[in-house]
């Protein structure tokens, strides 16, 4: 999952949310240098990634990109799943994402000085351009895909992958819904057994 999915799955603990947000740059056992709840956030991020990478519904979505966008299926699917998360929440209204995104930015603002410098730079652009809210629209997803393509010098046409989503929207939505139900159940199971 991408930024929005990780933040949504972080729960209500600010430290956990922050740890989940910075986790990609906290390598190996370096997470042990952080306070306990931030450690929990890093470990939560890793659990989410591990679950995602082996989930059959996620893998179906990811494989759909292989022929036209080799090696980018996971990156594209992560971003598309943030779009589908928005669509899910707009449909079922189990979470007010507009309010939650304000909370996410407020929490991350309060931890800004503790962020590793490369995450500070990423967060600056995330908030400035309001990536989390933009994921709800086709325009926002295309912009995110285009930006990633340019940053990694992969392709200036990565945004065209969204056409595949539009052409198969029912499949992608079903796969995301099944995935999302399963990951929430898994994380709930883990939290009740720790």
N, C-alpha and C. Protein backbone atom coordinates (compact mmCIF):
# COMPACT_ATOMS: atom_id res chain seq x y z
N UNK A 1 0.84 -1.19 0.00
CA UNK A 1 0.00 0.00 0.00
C UNK A 1 0.88 1.24 0.00
N UNK A 2 0.29 2.33 -0.42
CA UNK A 2 1.01 3.59 -0.49
C UNK A 2 0.73 4.41 0.77
N UNK A 3 1.10 5.68 0.76
CA UNK A 3 1.04 6.52 1.97
C UNK A 3 -0.32 6.51 2.65
N UNK A 4 -1.38 6.75 1.88
CA UNK A 4 -2.69 6.86 2.50
C UNK A 4 -3.11 5.56 3.17
N UNK A 5 -2.92 4.45 2.49
CA UNK A 5 -3.28 3.16 3.06
C UNK A 5 -2.55 2.88 4.36
N UNK A 6 -1.26 3.16 4.38
CA UNK A 6 -0.49 2.95 5.60
C UNK A 6 -1.00 3.83 6.73
N UNK A 7 -1.30 5.08 6.45
CA UNK A 7 -1.76 5.98 7.50
C UNK A 7 -3.13 5.56 8.02
N UNK A 8 -4.03 5.17 7.13
CA UNK A 8 -5.36 4.72 7.54
C UNK A 8 -5.26 3.51 8.46
N UNK A 9 -4.33 2.61 8.17
CA UNK A 9 -4.19 1.39 8.96
C UNK A 9 -3.38 1.59 10.24
N UNK A 10 -2.94 2.82 10.50
CA UNK A 10 -2.11 3.09 11.68
C UNK A 10 -2.90 3.21 12.97
N UNK A 11 -4.21 3.41 12.87
CA UNK A 11 -5.00 3.59 14.08
C UNK A 11 -4.90 5.00 14.63
N UNK A 12 -5.14 5.16 15.91
CA UNK A 12 -5.26 6.49 16.51
C UNK A 12 -4.04 6.94 17.30
N UNK A 13 -3.05 6.09 17.46
CA UNK A 13 -1.85 6.47 18.23
C UNK A 13 -0.92 7.31 17.34
N UNK A 14 -0.62 8.53 17.77
CA UNK A 14 0.21 9.43 16.98
C UNK A 14 1.61 8.87 16.75
N UNK A 15 2.22 8.29 17.80
CA UNK A 15 3.56 7.71 17.66
C UNK A 15 3.56 6.58 16.63
N UNK A 16 2.54 5.74 16.66
CA UNK A 16 2.44 4.62 15.73
C UNK A 16 2.30 5.14 14.30
N UNK A 17 1.48 6.16 14.12
CA UNK A 17 1.30 6.75 12.81
C UNK A 17 2.63 7.30 12.29
N UNK A 18 3.34 8.01 13.13
CA UNK A 18 4.64 8.57 12.74
C UNK A 18 5.63 7.46 12.38
N UNK A 19 5.70 6.42 13.21
CA UNK A 19 6.61 5.31 12.94
C UNK A 19 6.28 4.62 11.63
N UNK A 20 4.99 4.45 11.36
CA UNK A 20 4.56 3.84 10.10
C UNK A 20 4.99 4.72 8.93
N UNK A 21 4.88 6.03 9.08
CA UNK A 21 5.21 6.96 8.00
C UNK A 21 6.71 6.94 7.65
N UNK A 22 7.57 6.86 8.66
CA UNK A 22 9.02 6.93 8.40
C UNK A 22 9.65 5.56 8.15
N UNK A 23 8.88 4.50 8.25
CA UNK A 23 9.42 3.14 8.30
C UNK A 23 10.30 2.75 7.11
N UNK A 24 10.00 3.25 5.93
CA UNK A 24 10.77 2.82 4.75
C UNK A 24 12.25 3.19 4.83
N UNK A 25 12.58 4.20 5.63
CA UNK A 25 14.00 4.57 5.74
C UNK A 25 14.64 4.06 7.03
N UNK A 26 13.88 3.36 7.85
CA UNK A 26 14.42 2.79 9.08
C UNK A 26 14.78 1.33 8.78
N UNK A 27 16.04 1.09 8.56
CA UNK A 27 16.50 -0.22 8.09
C UNK A 27 16.86 -1.15 9.25
N UNK A 28 16.65 -2.45 9.02
CA UNK A 28 17.07 -3.48 9.96
C UNK A 28 16.55 -3.23 11.36
N UNK A 29 17.47 -3.29 12.33
CA UNK A 29 17.09 -3.11 13.74
C UNK A 29 17.22 -1.67 14.23
N UNK A 30 17.44 -0.74 13.30
CA UNK A 30 17.55 0.68 13.69
C UNK A 30 16.27 1.19 14.34
N UNK A 31 15.15 0.50 14.12
CA UNK A 31 13.90 0.92 14.75
C UNK A 31 13.99 0.87 16.28
N UNK A 32 14.91 0.04 16.80
CA UNK A 32 15.06 -0.09 18.25
C UNK A 32 15.59 1.18 18.89
N UNK A 33 16.11 2.11 18.10
CA UNK A 33 16.60 3.39 18.63
C UNK A 33 15.47 4.39 18.88
N UNK A 34 14.25 4.02 18.56
CA UNK A 34 13.11 4.91 18.70
C UNK A 34 12.27 4.48 19.91
N UNK A 35 11.43 5.38 20.44
CA UNK A 35 10.52 5.00 21.54
C UNK A 35 9.57 3.88 21.12
N UNK A 36 9.03 3.18 22.10
CA UNK A 36 8.27 1.95 21.89
C UNK A 36 7.13 2.08 20.87
N UNK A 37 6.29 3.10 21.01
CA UNK A 37 5.15 3.21 20.10
C UNK A 37 5.56 3.56 18.67
N UNK A 38 6.68 4.28 18.53
CA UNK A 38 7.21 4.54 17.19
C UNK A 38 7.77 3.24 16.61
N UNK A 39 8.42 2.45 17.44
CA UNK A 39 8.85 1.11 17.02
C UNK A 39 7.66 0.30 16.51
N UNK A 40 6.56 0.38 17.26
CA UNK A 40 5.35 -0.34 16.86
C UNK A 40 4.88 0.10 15.47
N UNK A 41 5.00 1.40 15.19
CA UNK A 41 4.61 1.91 13.88
C UNK A 41 5.49 1.39 12.76
N UNK A 42 6.79 1.33 13.01
CA UNK A 42 7.73 0.78 12.02
C UNK A 42 7.39 -0.69 11.76
N UNK A 43 7.18 -1.44 12.85
CA UNK A 43 6.86 -2.86 12.70
C UNK A 43 5.50 -3.06 12.03
N UNK A 44 4.55 -2.19 12.32
CA UNK A 44 3.24 -2.25 11.66
C UNK A 44 3.41 -2.06 10.15
N UNK A 45 4.21 -1.08 9.77
CA UNK A 45 4.48 -0.83 8.35
C UNK A 45 5.03 -2.10 7.68
N UNK A 46 5.97 -2.72 8.35
CA UNK A 46 6.58 -3.94 7.79
C UNK A 46 5.56 -5.07 7.68
N UNK A 47 4.68 -5.18 8.68
CA UNK A 47 3.62 -6.22 8.62
C UNK A 47 2.67 -5.95 7.45
N UNK A 48 2.31 -4.69 7.27
CA UNK A 48 1.42 -4.33 6.16
C UNK A 48 2.07 -4.69 4.83
N UNK A 49 3.34 -4.33 4.68
CA UNK A 49 4.05 -4.63 3.43
C UNK A 49 4.15 -6.14 3.20
N UNK A 50 4.46 -6.87 4.25
CA UNK A 50 4.59 -8.32 4.14
C UNK A 50 3.25 -8.96 3.74
N UNK A 51 2.19 -8.53 4.39
CA UNK A 51 0.86 -9.05 4.08
C UNK A 51 0.49 -8.71 2.63
N UNK A 52 0.71 -7.46 2.26
CA UNK A 52 0.37 -6.99 0.91
C UNK A 52 1.09 -7.80 -0.15
N UNK A 53 2.38 -8.00 0.03
CA UNK A 53 3.21 -8.66 -0.98
C UNK A 53 2.83 -10.12 -1.22
N UNK A 54 2.09 -10.72 -0.30
CA UNK A 54 1.69 -12.12 -0.48
C UNK A 54 0.18 -12.30 -0.63
N UNK A 55 -0.57 -11.20 -0.64
CA UNK A 55 -2.02 -11.31 -0.72
C UNK A 55 -2.47 -11.63 -2.15
N UNK A 56 -3.28 -12.68 -2.33
CA UNK A 56 -3.66 -13.09 -3.69
C UNK A 56 -4.46 -12.04 -4.45
N UNK A 57 -5.27 -11.24 -3.77
CA UNK A 57 -6.06 -10.21 -4.45
C UNK A 57 -5.16 -9.08 -4.93
N UNK A 58 -4.24 -8.65 -4.07
CA UNK A 58 -3.27 -7.62 -4.45
C UNK A 58 -2.42 -8.11 -5.63
N UNK A 59 -1.99 -9.36 -5.57
CA UNK A 59 -1.13 -9.91 -6.63
C UNK A 59 -1.86 -9.96 -7.98
N UNK A 60 -3.15 -10.24 -7.95
CA UNK A 60 -3.93 -10.21 -9.21
C UNK A 60 -3.90 -8.81 -9.82
N UNK A 61 -4.12 -7.80 -8.98
CA UNK A 61 -4.07 -6.42 -9.47
C UNK A 61 -2.68 -6.09 -10.02
N UNK A 62 -1.67 -6.45 -9.28
CA UNK A 62 -0.29 -6.14 -9.65
C UNK A 62 0.10 -6.77 -10.98
N UNK A 63 -0.28 -8.02 -11.16
CA UNK A 63 0.11 -8.75 -12.38
C UNK A 63 -0.52 -8.15 -13.64
N UNK A 64 -1.64 -7.47 -13.48
CA UNK A 64 -2.31 -6.88 -14.63
C UNK A 64 -1.44 -5.82 -15.31
N UNK A 65 -0.48 -5.27 -14.60
CA UNK A 65 0.39 -4.22 -15.17
C UNK A 65 1.66 -4.76 -15.82
N UNK A 66 1.95 -6.05 -15.62
CA UNK A 66 3.25 -6.59 -16.01
C UNK A 66 3.57 -6.44 -17.49
N UNK A 67 2.61 -6.69 -18.36
CA UNK A 67 2.96 -6.70 -19.79
C UNK A 67 3.32 -5.30 -20.29
N UNK A 68 2.59 -4.28 -19.87
CA UNK A 68 2.86 -2.92 -20.37
C UNK A 68 3.85 -2.14 -19.51
N UNK A 69 3.95 -2.50 -18.24
CA UNK A 69 4.81 -1.75 -17.33
C UNK A 69 5.65 -2.72 -16.49
N UNK A 70 6.59 -3.41 -17.16
CA UNK A 70 7.40 -4.41 -16.44
C UNK A 70 8.15 -3.76 -15.28
N UNK A 71 8.23 -4.48 -14.20
CA UNK A 71 8.93 -4.09 -12.98
C UNK A 71 8.25 -2.96 -12.20
N UNK A 72 7.14 -2.44 -12.70
CA UNK A 72 6.48 -1.33 -12.02
C UNK A 72 5.11 -1.71 -11.46
N UNK A 73 4.73 -2.98 -11.61
CA UNK A 73 3.40 -3.40 -11.17
C UNK A 73 3.11 -3.09 -9.72
N UNK A 74 4.07 -3.34 -8.84
CA UNK A 74 3.87 -3.08 -7.42
C UNK A 74 3.73 -1.60 -7.11
N UNK A 75 4.57 -0.78 -7.71
CA UNK A 75 4.53 0.67 -7.48
C UNK A 75 3.18 1.22 -7.95
N UNK A 76 2.77 0.83 -9.14
CA UNK A 76 1.50 1.31 -9.69
C UNK A 76 0.34 0.84 -8.81
N UNK A 77 0.35 -0.43 -8.44
CA UNK A 77 -0.76 -0.98 -7.65
C UNK A 77 -0.85 -0.29 -6.30
N UNK A 78 0.27 -0.01 -5.67
CA UNK A 78 0.24 0.70 -4.38
C UNK A 78 -0.49 2.04 -4.51
N UNK A 79 -0.20 2.76 -5.55
CA UNK A 79 -0.83 4.07 -5.75
C UNK A 79 -2.31 3.90 -6.12
N UNK A 80 -2.59 2.98 -7.01
CA UNK A 80 -3.97 2.72 -7.41
C UNK A 80 -4.81 2.29 -6.20
N UNK A 81 -4.20 1.53 -5.28
CA UNK A 81 -4.95 1.11 -4.09
C UNK A 81 -5.28 2.29 -3.18
N UNK A 82 -4.47 3.34 -3.17
CA UNK A 82 -4.85 4.54 -2.43
C UNK A 82 -6.06 5.21 -3.08
N UNK A 83 -6.10 5.22 -4.40
CA UNK A 83 -7.28 5.72 -5.12
C UNK A 83 -8.51 4.88 -4.78
N UNK A 84 -8.35 3.56 -4.81
CA UNK A 84 -9.47 2.67 -4.52
C UNK A 84 -9.91 2.76 -3.06
N UNK A 85 -8.98 3.06 -2.17
CA UNK A 85 -9.32 3.29 -0.77
C UNK A 85 -10.24 4.50 -0.66
N UNK A 86 -9.91 5.56 -1.38
CA UNK A 86 -10.78 6.73 -1.40
C UNK A 86 -12.18 6.35 -1.90
N UNK A 87 -12.24 5.60 -3.00
CA UNK A 87 -13.54 5.22 -3.56
C UNK A 87 -14.33 4.36 -2.58
N UNK A 88 -13.64 3.46 -1.89
CA UNK A 88 -14.26 2.60 -0.88
C UNK A 88 -14.85 3.46 0.24
N UNK A 89 -14.05 4.41 0.73
CA UNK A 89 -14.52 5.24 1.84
C UNK A 89 -15.64 6.18 1.41
N UNK A 90 -15.58 6.68 0.18
CA UNK A 90 -16.67 7.52 -0.31
C UNK A 90 -17.97 6.73 -0.42
N UNK A 91 -17.84 5.46 -0.77
CA UNK A 91 -19.02 4.60 -0.92
C UNK A 91 -19.58 4.15 0.43
N UNK A 92 -18.71 3.69 1.32
CA UNK A 92 -19.17 3.09 2.57
C UNK A 92 -19.11 4.04 3.76
N UNK A 93 -18.38 5.11 3.64
CA UNK A 93 -18.29 6.16 4.66
C UNK A 93 -18.02 5.61 6.06
N UNK A 94 -17.12 4.64 6.11
CA UNK A 94 -16.75 4.11 7.43
C UNK A 94 -15.71 5.00 8.11
N UNK A 95 -15.12 5.89 7.34
CA UNK A 95 -14.09 6.79 7.85
C UNK A 95 -14.20 8.09 7.07
N UNK A 96 -14.20 9.20 7.76
CA UNK A 96 -14.24 10.50 7.08
C UNK A 96 -12.81 10.85 6.68
N UNK A 97 -12.43 10.49 5.45
CA UNK A 97 -11.04 10.67 5.03
C UNK A 97 -10.63 12.13 5.00
N UNK A 98 -11.53 13.03 4.68
CA UNK A 98 -11.16 14.45 4.66
C UNK A 98 -10.69 14.89 6.05
N UNK A 99 -11.45 14.51 7.09
CA UNK A 99 -11.06 14.85 8.46
C UNK A 99 -9.80 14.10 8.88
N UNK A 100 -9.72 12.83 8.51
CA UNK A 100 -8.56 12.03 8.88
C UNK A 100 -7.29 12.56 8.26
N UNK A 101 -7.35 13.01 7.02
CA UNK A 101 -6.16 13.55 6.35
C UNK A 101 -5.68 14.81 7.05
N UNK A 102 -6.59 15.64 7.50
CA UNK A 102 -6.20 16.82 8.29
C UNK A 102 -5.47 16.37 9.54
N UNK A 103 -6.00 15.33 10.20
CA UNK A 103 -5.34 14.80 11.40
C UNK A 103 -3.96 14.26 11.07
N UNK A 104 -3.83 13.50 9.96
CA UNK A 104 -2.53 12.94 9.59
C UNK A 104 -1.50 14.05 9.40
N UNK A 105 -1.89 15.10 8.67
CA UNK A 105 -0.95 16.20 8.45
C UNK A 105 -0.60 16.89 9.77
N UNK A 106 -1.58 17.09 10.65
CA UNK A 106 -1.31 17.72 11.94
C UNK A 106 -0.35 16.88 12.78
N UNK A 107 -0.58 15.58 12.81
CA UNK A 107 0.31 14.69 13.57
C UNK A 107 1.72 14.74 12.98
N UNK A 108 1.82 14.57 11.68
CA UNK A 108 3.15 14.56 11.05
C UNK A 108 3.84 15.91 11.18
N UNK A 109 3.09 17.01 11.15
CA UNK A 109 3.69 18.33 11.40
C UNK A 109 4.35 18.36 12.77
N UNK A 110 3.68 17.77 13.76
CA UNK A 110 4.20 17.82 15.13
C UNK A 110 5.47 16.97 15.30
N UNK A 111 5.71 16.05 14.38
CA UNK A 111 6.90 15.19 14.44
C UNK A 111 7.95 15.60 13.40
N UNK A 112 7.72 16.70 12.72
CA UNK A 112 8.58 17.07 11.60
C UNK A 112 10.06 17.10 11.98
N UNK A 113 10.38 17.67 13.13
CA UNK A 113 11.79 17.80 13.55
C UNK A 113 12.43 16.45 13.85
N UNK A 114 11.62 15.43 14.09
CA UNK A 114 12.15 14.09 14.37
C UNK A 114 12.30 13.24 13.11
N UNK A 115 11.75 13.72 12.00
CA UNK A 115 11.81 12.94 10.76
C UNK A 115 13.23 12.89 10.23
N UNK A 116 13.66 11.72 9.71
CA UNK A 116 14.91 11.68 8.96
C UNK A 116 14.85 12.71 7.82
N UNK A 117 15.99 13.31 7.46
CA UNK A 117 15.99 14.45 6.53
C UNK A 117 15.36 14.11 5.18
N UNK A 118 15.60 12.90 4.66
CA UNK A 118 15.00 12.58 3.36
C UNK A 118 13.48 12.44 3.45
N UNK A 119 12.98 12.04 4.60
CA UNK A 119 11.53 11.97 4.80
C UNK A 119 10.96 13.38 4.99
N UNK A 120 11.73 14.27 5.62
CA UNK A 120 11.28 15.66 5.74
C UNK A 120 11.02 16.27 4.37
N UNK A 121 11.94 16.03 3.44
CA UNK A 121 11.80 16.58 2.09
C UNK A 121 10.56 15.99 1.40
N UNK A 122 10.41 14.68 1.49
CA UNK A 122 9.25 14.02 0.90
C UNK A 122 7.96 14.57 1.51
N UNK A 123 7.94 14.68 2.85
CA UNK A 123 6.74 15.16 3.53
C UNK A 123 6.42 16.60 3.14
N UNK A 124 7.45 17.42 2.97
CA UNK A 124 7.23 18.82 2.55
C UNK A 124 6.40 18.85 1.27
N UNK A 125 6.80 18.06 0.27
CA UNK A 125 6.08 18.03 -1.00
C UNK A 125 4.73 17.35 -0.87
N UNK A 126 4.66 16.31 -0.05
CA UNK A 126 3.39 15.62 0.16
C UNK A 126 2.33 16.59 0.68
N UNK A 127 2.70 17.35 1.70
CA UNK A 127 1.74 18.27 2.29
C UNK A 127 1.47 19.47 1.37
N UNK A 128 2.54 20.03 0.81
CA UNK A 128 2.40 21.20 -0.07
C UNK A 128 1.44 20.91 -1.22
N UNK A 129 1.58 19.74 -1.82
CA UNK A 129 0.74 19.38 -2.97
C UNK A 129 -0.46 18.53 -2.58
N UNK A 130 -0.63 18.28 -1.29
CA UNK A 130 -1.77 17.54 -0.74
C UNK A 130 -2.00 16.21 -1.45
N UNK A 131 -0.94 15.39 -1.49
CA UNK A 131 -1.02 14.10 -2.16
C UNK A 131 -2.18 13.25 -1.63
N UNK A 132 -2.35 13.25 -0.31
CA UNK A 132 -3.34 12.34 0.29
C UNK A 132 -4.75 12.63 -0.19
N UNK A 133 -5.10 13.90 -0.32
CA UNK A 133 -6.43 14.25 -0.85
C UNK A 133 -6.51 14.03 -2.35
N UNK A 134 -5.40 14.28 -3.05
CA UNK A 134 -5.40 14.15 -4.51
C UNK A 134 -5.58 12.70 -4.96
N UNK A 135 -5.28 11.74 -4.09
CA UNK A 135 -5.43 10.34 -4.47
C UNK A 135 -6.88 9.96 -4.74
N UNK A 136 -7.82 10.82 -4.38
CA UNK A 136 -9.23 10.47 -4.62
C UNK A 136 -9.64 10.67 -6.07
N UNK A 137 -8.82 11.36 -6.87
CA UNK A 137 -9.22 11.68 -8.25
C UNK A 137 -8.29 11.02 -9.26
N UNK A 138 -8.84 10.80 -10.43
CA UNK A 138 -8.03 10.28 -11.54
C UNK A 138 -6.87 11.22 -11.82
N UNK A 139 -7.14 12.51 -11.81
CA UNK A 139 -6.10 13.51 -12.05
C UNK A 139 -4.97 13.36 -11.04
N UNK A 140 -5.32 13.19 -9.78
CA UNK A 140 -4.31 13.07 -8.73
C UNK A 140 -3.46 11.82 -8.86
N UNK A 141 -4.10 10.72 -9.24
CA UNK A 141 -3.37 9.46 -9.41
C UNK A 141 -2.44 9.56 -10.62
N UNK A 142 -2.93 10.11 -11.71
CA UNK A 142 -2.08 10.27 -12.89
C UNK A 142 -0.89 11.17 -12.58
N UNK A 143 -1.13 12.20 -11.81
CA UNK A 143 -0.03 13.11 -11.44
C UNK A 143 1.00 12.37 -10.58
N UNK A 144 0.53 11.57 -9.64
CA UNK A 144 1.45 10.81 -8.78
C UNK A 144 2.26 9.82 -9.62
N UNK A 145 1.60 9.12 -10.53
CA UNK A 145 2.30 8.15 -11.37
C UNK A 145 3.32 8.83 -12.28
N UNK A 146 2.94 9.96 -12.84
CA UNK A 146 3.84 10.71 -13.70
C UNK A 146 5.07 11.17 -12.91
N UNK A 147 4.84 11.66 -11.69
CA UNK A 147 5.94 12.11 -10.85
C UNK A 147 6.91 10.99 -10.50
N UNK A 148 6.37 9.83 -10.17
CA UNK A 148 7.22 8.68 -9.85
C UNK A 148 8.02 8.26 -11.08
N UNK A 149 7.37 8.21 -12.23
CA UNK A 149 8.06 7.85 -13.46
C UNK A 149 9.24 8.76 -13.74
N UNK A 150 9.05 10.04 -13.53
CA UNK A 150 10.13 11.01 -13.76
C UNK A 150 11.24 10.85 -12.72
N UNK A 151 10.84 10.67 -11.45
CA UNK A 151 11.86 10.59 -10.38
C UNK A 151 12.77 9.39 -10.55
N UNK A 152 12.22 8.27 -10.99
CA UNK A 152 13.06 7.07 -11.11
C UNK A 152 13.55 6.87 -12.54
N UNK A 153 13.25 7.87 -13.39
CA UNK A 153 13.70 7.82 -14.79
C UNK A 153 13.23 6.54 -15.48
N UNK A 154 12.02 6.12 -15.13
CA UNK A 154 11.47 4.89 -15.73
C UNK A 154 10.73 5.23 -17.02
N UNK A 155 9.78 6.12 -16.91
CA UNK A 155 8.98 6.44 -18.07
C UNK A 155 8.18 7.70 -17.79
N UNK A 156 8.07 8.53 -18.79
CA UNK A 156 7.20 9.69 -18.65
C UNK A 156 5.74 9.31 -18.91
N UNK A 157 5.51 8.05 -19.27
CA UNK A 157 4.16 7.61 -19.61
C UNK A 157 3.54 6.71 -18.54
N UNK A 158 4.10 6.70 -17.35
CA UNK A 158 3.59 5.82 -16.30
C UNK A 158 2.13 6.13 -15.98
N UNK A 159 1.74 7.38 -16.14
CA UNK A 159 0.35 7.76 -15.87
C UNK A 159 -0.63 7.03 -16.78
N UNK A 160 -0.17 6.57 -17.94
CA UNK A 160 -1.05 5.85 -18.86
C UNK A 160 -1.51 4.51 -18.29
N UNK A 161 -0.82 4.04 -17.25
CA UNK A 161 -1.23 2.78 -16.62
C UNK A 161 -2.64 2.90 -16.03
N UNK A 162 -3.07 4.11 -15.73
CA UNK A 162 -4.40 4.28 -15.14
C UNK A 162 -5.50 3.90 -16.12
N UNK A 163 -5.20 3.96 -17.42
CA UNK A 163 -6.18 3.53 -18.41
C UNK A 163 -6.55 2.06 -18.21
N UNK A 164 -5.55 1.27 -17.83
CA UNK A 164 -5.78 -0.15 -17.55
C UNK A 164 -6.72 -0.31 -16.35
N UNK A 165 -6.57 0.57 -15.38
CA UNK A 165 -7.47 0.56 -14.21
C UNK A 165 -8.89 0.88 -14.66
N UNK A 166 -9.04 1.93 -15.43
CA UNK A 166 -10.38 2.33 -15.88
C UNK A 166 -11.05 1.23 -16.71
N UNK A 167 -10.25 0.55 -17.53
CA UNK A 167 -10.81 -0.51 -18.38
C UNK A 167 -11.19 -1.76 -17.60
N UNK A 168 -10.63 -1.89 -16.41
CA UNK A 168 -10.89 -3.08 -15.58
C UNK A 168 -11.33 -2.68 -14.17
N UNK A 169 -12.06 -1.58 -14.07
CA UNK A 169 -12.35 -1.01 -12.75
C UNK A 169 -13.08 -1.98 -11.83
N UNK A 170 -14.01 -2.76 -12.36
CA UNK A 170 -14.74 -3.70 -11.50
C UNK A 170 -13.82 -4.75 -10.90
N UNK A 171 -12.88 -5.23 -11.69
CA UNK A 171 -11.91 -6.21 -11.18
C UNK A 171 -11.03 -5.59 -10.11
N UNK A 172 -10.50 -4.40 -10.40
CA UNK A 172 -9.63 -3.73 -9.42
C UNK A 172 -10.39 -3.42 -8.13
N UNK A 173 -11.61 -2.93 -8.25
CA UNK A 173 -12.39 -2.62 -7.05
C UNK A 173 -12.64 -3.87 -6.22
N UNK A 174 -13.04 -4.94 -6.85
CA UNK A 174 -13.31 -6.18 -6.13
C UNK A 174 -12.04 -6.69 -5.43
N UNK A 175 -10.92 -6.67 -6.15
CA UNK A 175 -9.66 -7.13 -5.56
C UNK A 175 -9.26 -6.25 -4.38
N UNK A 176 -9.41 -4.94 -4.54
CA UNK A 176 -9.07 -4.05 -3.43
C UNK A 176 -9.98 -4.30 -2.23
N UNK A 177 -11.28 -4.39 -2.44
CA UNK A 177 -12.22 -4.59 -1.33
C UNK A 177 -11.89 -5.87 -0.57
N UNK A 178 -11.63 -6.95 -1.31
CA UNK A 178 -11.27 -8.21 -0.65
C UNK A 178 -9.97 -8.06 0.14
N UNK A 179 -9.00 -7.43 -0.49
CA UNK A 179 -7.71 -7.19 0.16
C UNK A 179 -7.89 -6.36 1.43
N UNK A 180 -8.66 -5.29 1.33
CA UNK A 180 -8.80 -4.36 2.45
C UNK A 180 -9.51 -5.02 3.63
N UNK A 181 -10.53 -5.79 3.35
CA UNK A 181 -11.21 -6.53 4.41
C UNK A 181 -10.25 -7.49 5.10
N UNK A 182 -9.45 -8.18 4.29
CA UNK A 182 -8.50 -9.15 4.85
C UNK A 182 -7.40 -8.49 5.68
N UNK A 183 -6.86 -7.38 5.19
CA UNK A 183 -5.76 -6.76 5.94
C UNK A 183 -6.26 -6.15 7.24
N UNK A 184 -7.45 -5.58 7.23
CA UNK A 184 -8.00 -5.04 8.48
C UNK A 184 -8.24 -6.16 9.49
N UNK A 185 -8.75 -7.29 9.00
CA UNK A 185 -8.98 -8.43 9.89
C UNK A 185 -7.66 -8.96 10.45
N UNK A 186 -6.64 -9.04 9.59
CA UNK A 186 -5.33 -9.52 10.02
C UNK A 186 -4.71 -8.60 11.08
N UNK A 187 -4.77 -7.30 10.84
CA UNK A 187 -4.20 -6.36 11.81
C UNK A 187 -5.00 -6.35 13.11
N UNK A 188 -6.30 -6.50 13.03
CA UNK A 188 -7.13 -6.59 14.22
C UNK A 188 -6.79 -7.85 15.02
N UNK A 189 -6.59 -8.95 14.31
CA UNK A 189 -6.19 -10.22 14.95
C UNK A 189 -4.84 -10.07 15.65
N UNK A 190 -3.90 -9.43 14.97
CA UNK A 190 -2.57 -9.23 15.56
C UNK A 190 -2.62 -8.36 16.81
N UNK A 191 -3.45 -7.29 16.75
CA UNK A 191 -3.51 -6.37 17.90
C UNK A 191 -4.20 -7.00 19.10
N UNK A 192 -5.14 -7.92 18.87
CA UNK A 192 -5.82 -8.55 20.00
C UNK A 192 -4.99 -9.70 20.59
N UNK A 193 -3.96 -10.13 19.86
CA UNK A 193 -3.12 -11.23 20.36
C UNK A 193 -1.74 -10.75 20.81
N UNK A 194 -1.56 -9.44 20.99
CA UNK A 194 -0.27 -8.92 21.50
C UNK A 194 -0.44 -8.22 22.81
